Amino acid sequence: MYEPTSRARRLQPRIEERFLSGAREATRFFVQKSNVHLALERLVDRLTKLEIPYAIVGALSLNAYGYQRTTSDVDVLVRREGLDAFKEAHLGRGYVEKFPGSKGLRDATQNIEIDVLITGDYPGDGKRKPIAFPDPAEVAERGERFALLPLPTLLELKLASGMTAPHRLRDLADVLELVRINELDEELAGSLHPYVREKYRELWQAAQVEGEE
């Protein structure tokens, strides 16, 4: 049995406070009261009013497919002209660029970053590859409140990203969790782009390993 001693190291107050702050934010996130959710709703409202095709992607979209993930920003896919139209309407009116001329924005009201992905650009390392970010007007599925990418498209993008960018390995971990949580079939690989099929099969196999209880 563990018994604390006087030699036990104390947790630094700043680290303990970060832990508590993260726990509080996670609670707000999952009851949809966080600044991220408020920024999401503001962004979607403005995109909809401007009739700009979009899809919410990134960690927020994973929650729609059963994988609960917190995040500190909003990822959105738009066309280049959609981003230009949004900037013209809202820069200086609650939104600022991360730096002059950047794709990325910041919701100044909620202090939340908006990571913008552009149709035709490439996931992961950004270099040309068989898979590019699609046109949300063609592929996004729209509900009553939000537009999201279908799960197979999201899987393809995450696979292509994690395969080509060492700093994006979390995307491969996301695919593994989506396979596990949704009990996806190995045969789904046949409907994915050939570029990512083998990596999907590899992660599918990994997802079949039972963790320790």
Protein backbone atom coordinates (compact mmCIF):
# COMPACT_ATOMS: atom_id res chain seq x y z
CA MET A 1 0.00 0.00 0.00
CA TYR A 2 1.34 3.42 -0.97
CA GLU A 3 2.03 5.78 1.92
CA PRO A 4 3.00 9.39 1.16
CA THR A 5 6.21 10.63 2.73
CA SER A 6 7.65 14.03 3.40
CA ARG A 7 9.91 13.49 0.40
CA ALA A 8 6.97 13.22 -1.99
CA ARG A 9 7.12 15.92 -4.66
CA ARG A 10 4.41 18.54 -4.60
CA LEU A 11 2.47 19.40 -7.73
CA GLN A 12 3.23 22.91 -8.88
CA PRO A 13 0.25 25.26 -8.34
CA ARG A 14 0.27 26.46 -11.96
CA ILE A 15 0.09 22.86 -13.21
CA GLU A 16 -2.71 22.04 -10.79
CA GLU A 17 -4.64 25.11 -11.90
CA ARG A 18 -4.21 24.14 -15.56
CA PHE A 19 -5.58 20.69 -14.71
CA LEU A 20 -8.63 22.17 -12.98
CA SER A 21 -9.16 24.69 -15.76
CA GLY A 22 -9.05 21.92 -18.35
CA ALA A 23 -11.53 19.83 -16.40
CA ARG A 24 -13.92 22.77 -16.08
CA GLU A 25 -13.64 23.54 -19.79
CA ALA A 26 -14.24 19.89 -20.70
CA THR A 27 -17.43 19.94 -18.64
CA ARG A 28 -18.63 23.10 -20.39
CA PHE A 29 -17.69 21.59 -23.74
CA PHE A 30 -19.77 18.46 -23.38
CA VAL A 31 -22.84 20.39 -22.22
CA GLN A 32 -22.30 22.71 -25.22
CA LYS A 33 -21.70 25.79 -23.09
CA SER A 34 -18.03 26.38 -23.97
CA ASN A 35 -16.62 29.34 -25.88
CA VAL A 36 -15.90 26.91 -28.72
CA HIS A 37 -19.59 26.08 -29.07
CA LEU A 38 -20.56 29.75 -28.93
CA ALA A 39 -17.97 30.53 -31.62
CA LEU A 40 -19.25 27.62 -33.71
CA GLU A 41 -22.83 28.84 -33.57
CA ARG A 42 -21.79 32.41 -34.43
CA LEU A 43 -19.73 31.21 -37.39
CA VAL A 44 -22.42 28.92 -38.78
CA ASP A 45 -25.06 31.63 -38.43
CA ARG A 46 -22.95 34.07 -40.43
CA LEU A 47 -21.98 31.55 -43.11
CA THR A 48 -25.62 30.56 -43.53
CA LYS A 49 -26.83 34.15 -43.83
CA LEU A 50 -24.19 34.80 -46.51
CA GLU A 51 -25.19 31.53 -48.26
CA ILE A 52 -21.59 30.32 -48.17
CA PRO A 53 -21.28 26.53 -48.56
CA TYR A 54 -19.31 25.05 -45.66
CA ALA A 55 -18.66 21.94 -43.62
CA ILE A 56 -17.52 21.78 -40.01
CA VAL A 57 -14.52 19.46 -39.79
CA GLY A 58 -11.79 18.65 -37.25
CA ALA A 59 -12.35 17.51 -33.67
CA LEU A 60 -15.82 19.04 -33.41
CA SER A 61 -17.10 16.89 -36.26
CA LEU A 62 -15.81 13.72 -34.58
CA ASN A 63 -18.44 14.14 -31.87
CA ALA A 64 -21.14 13.68 -34.51
CA TYR A 65 -19.77 10.19 -35.17
CA GLY A 66 -19.65 9.07 -31.56
CA TYR A 67 -16.06 9.99 -30.74
CA GLN A 68 -16.18 12.54 -27.93
CA ARG A 69 -13.28 14.96 -28.29
CA THR A 70 -12.79 18.38 -26.78
CA THR A 71 -11.06 21.09 -28.79
CA SER A 72 -10.01 24.70 -28.41
CA ASP A 73 -10.79 25.85 -31.95
CA VAL A 74 -13.25 25.49 -34.83
CA ASP A 75 -12.23 23.92 -38.15
CA VAL A 76 -14.32 24.80 -41.19
CA LEU A 77 -14.07 23.88 -44.88
CA VAL A 78 -15.09 26.49 -47.45
CA ARG A 79 -14.33 27.48 -51.03
CA ARG A 80 -11.73 30.19 -51.58
CA GLU A 81 -14.44 32.62 -52.71
CA GLY A 82 -16.46 31.73 -49.61
CA LEU A 83 -13.59 32.77 -47.37
CA ASP A 84 -13.17 36.00 -49.32
CA ALA A 85 -16.87 36.79 -48.97
CA PHE A 86 -16.81 36.06 -45.25
CA LYS A 87 -13.80 38.29 -44.70
CA GLU A 88 -15.36 41.13 -46.66
CA ALA A 89 -18.50 40.94 -44.53
CA HIS A 90 -17.03 40.30 -41.08
CA LEU A 91 -13.39 41.30 -40.70
CA GLY A 92 -13.28 44.00 -38.08
CA ARG A 93 -16.81 43.09 -37.01
CA GLY A 94 -16.06 40.41 -34.45
CA TYR A 95 -13.46 38.56 -36.51
CA VAL A 96 -9.78 39.23 -37.18
CA GLU A 97 -7.15 37.47 -39.25
CA LYS A 98 -4.54 35.43 -37.37
CA PHE A 99 -2.02 37.50 -39.29
CA PRO A 100 -2.46 39.80 -42.30
CA GLY A 101 -3.63 37.82 -45.30
CA SER A 102 -3.95 34.50 -43.44
CA LYS A 103 -6.66 31.94 -44.09
CA GLY A 104 -7.11 31.48 -40.37
CA LEU A 105 -9.36 33.75 -38.35
CA ARG A 106 -10.08 34.45 -34.71
CA ASP A 107 -13.48 35.07 -33.20
CA ALA A 108 -12.55 38.13 -31.17
CA THR A 109 -15.76 37.96 -29.15
CA GLN A 110 -15.12 34.44 -27.84
CA ASN A 111 -11.32 34.50 -28.31
CA ILE A 112 -11.50 31.28 -30.32
CA GLU A 113 -9.38 30.50 -33.38
CA ILE A 114 -11.11 29.51 -36.62
CA ASP A 115 -8.95 27.20 -38.73
CA VAL A 116 -10.06 27.49 -42.36
CA LEU A 117 -9.53 24.71 -44.89
CA ILE A 118 -9.91 25.55 -48.57
CA THR A 119 -11.43 23.41 -51.31
CA GLY A 120 -8.68 22.10 -53.57
CA ASP A 121 -5.88 22.36 -51.00
CA TYR A 122 -4.22 19.17 -49.78
CA PRO A 123 -4.42 17.64 -46.27
CA GLY A 124 -1.41 16.77 -44.15
CA ASP A 125 1.83 18.12 -45.57
CA GLY A 126 -0.02 20.39 -48.03
CA LYS A 127 1.71 18.81 -51.01
CA ARG A 128 -0.10 17.58 -54.11
CA LYS A 129 -1.64 14.14 -53.65
CA PRO A 130 -4.62 12.16 -54.98
CA ILE A 131 -6.87 13.43 -52.18
CA ALA A 132 -7.74 17.11 -51.76
CA PHE A 133 -10.23 18.98 -49.61
CA PRO A 134 -13.59 18.67 -51.39
CA ASP A 135 -16.19 21.25 -52.31
CA PRO A 136 -18.64 21.44 -49.39
CA ALA A 137 -21.40 22.45 -51.79
CA GLU A 138 -21.10 19.02 -53.37
CA VAL A 139 -20.32 16.67 -50.48
CA ALA A 140 -21.47 18.21 -47.18
CA GLU A 141 -24.53 16.78 -45.49
CA ARG A 142 -26.69 19.45 -43.91
CA GLY A 143 -28.90 19.00 -40.89
CA GLU A 144 -31.22 21.51 -39.28
CA ARG A 145 -28.34 23.39 -37.61
CA PHE A 146 -24.99 22.31 -39.08
CA ALA A 147 -23.31 20.93 -42.20
CA LEU A 148 -20.76 18.12 -41.84
CA LEU A 149 -18.75 15.85 -44.10
CA PRO A 150 -19.98 12.26 -44.46
CA LEU A 151 -17.93 9.80 -42.45
CA PRO A 152 -16.13 8.14 -45.44
CA THR A 153 -14.95 11.53 -46.70
CA LEU A 154 -13.75 12.50 -43.22
CA LEU A 155 -11.87 9.20 -42.97
CA GLU A 156 -10.15 9.76 -46.32
CA LEU A 157 -8.98 13.24 -45.35
CA LYS A 158 -7.69 12.13 -41.95
CA LEU A 159 -5.89 9.15 -43.45
CA ALA A 160 -4.25 11.27 -46.14
CA SER A 161 -3.26 13.83 -43.52
CA GLY A 162 -1.75 11.40 -41.04
CA MET A 163 0.05 9.45 -43.78
CA THR A 164 1.95 12.48 -45.06
CA ALA A 165 2.55 14.73 -42.05
CA PRO A 166 4.46 13.42 -39.00
CA HIS A 167 2.93 16.16 -36.85
CA ARG A 168 -0.58 14.97 -37.79
CA LEU A 169 -0.38 11.44 -36.36
CA ARG A 170 -3.41 12.28 -34.22
CA ASP A 171 -5.45 12.04 -37.42
CA LEU A 172 -4.55 8.35 -37.71
CA ALA A 173 -5.46 7.82 -34.06
CA ASP A 174 -8.81 9.49 -34.78
CA VAL A 175 -9.46 7.02 -37.61
CA LEU A 176 -8.68 4.10 -35.32
CA GLU A 177 -11.13 5.38 -32.72
CA LEU A 178 -13.83 6.03 -35.33
CA VAL A 179 -13.42 2.46 -36.58
CA ARG A 180 -13.72 1.09 -33.05
CA ILE A 181 -16.60 3.26 -31.86
CA ASN A 182 -18.68 2.84 -35.03
CA GLU A 183 -17.76 -0.84 -35.47
CA LEU A 184 -16.80 -0.12 -39.07
CA ASP A 185 -16.16 -3.05 -41.40
CA GLU A 186 -12.85 -3.81 -43.04
CA GLU A 187 -14.77 -3.92 -46.33
CA LEU A 188 -15.28 -0.16 -46.07
CA ALA A 189 -11.74 0.12 -47.45
CA GLY A 190 -13.11 -0.83 -50.86
CA SER A 191 -15.23 2.34 -50.98
CA LEU A 192 -12.34 4.61 -49.96
CA HIS A 193 -9.84 6.19 -52.33
CA PRO A 194 -7.10 3.69 -53.31
CA TYR A 195 -4.50 6.08 -51.90
CA VAL A 196 -5.65 5.40 -48.33
CA ARG A 197 -7.06 1.87 -48.50
CA GLU A 198 -4.08 0.00 -47.09
CA LYS A 199 -3.64 2.45 -44.22
CA TYR A 200 -7.34 2.06 -43.38
CA ARG A 201 -6.95 -1.74 -43.34
CA GLU A 202 -3.88 -1.41 -41.09
CA LEU A 203 -5.77 0.77 -38.62
CA TRP A 204 -8.82 -1.46 -38.83
CA GLN A 205 -6.67 -4.39 -37.74
CA ALA A 206 -5.26 -2.34 -34.87
CA ALA A 207 -8.78 -1.43 -33.75
CA GLN A 208 -9.66 -5.11 -33.30
CA VAL A 209 -7.16 -5.51 -30.44
CA GLU A 210 -8.98 -5.58 -27.13
CA GLY A 211 -7.57 -3.24 -24.49
CA GLU A 212 -6.96 -4.32 -20.94
CA GLU A 213 -9.91 -4.01 -18.57
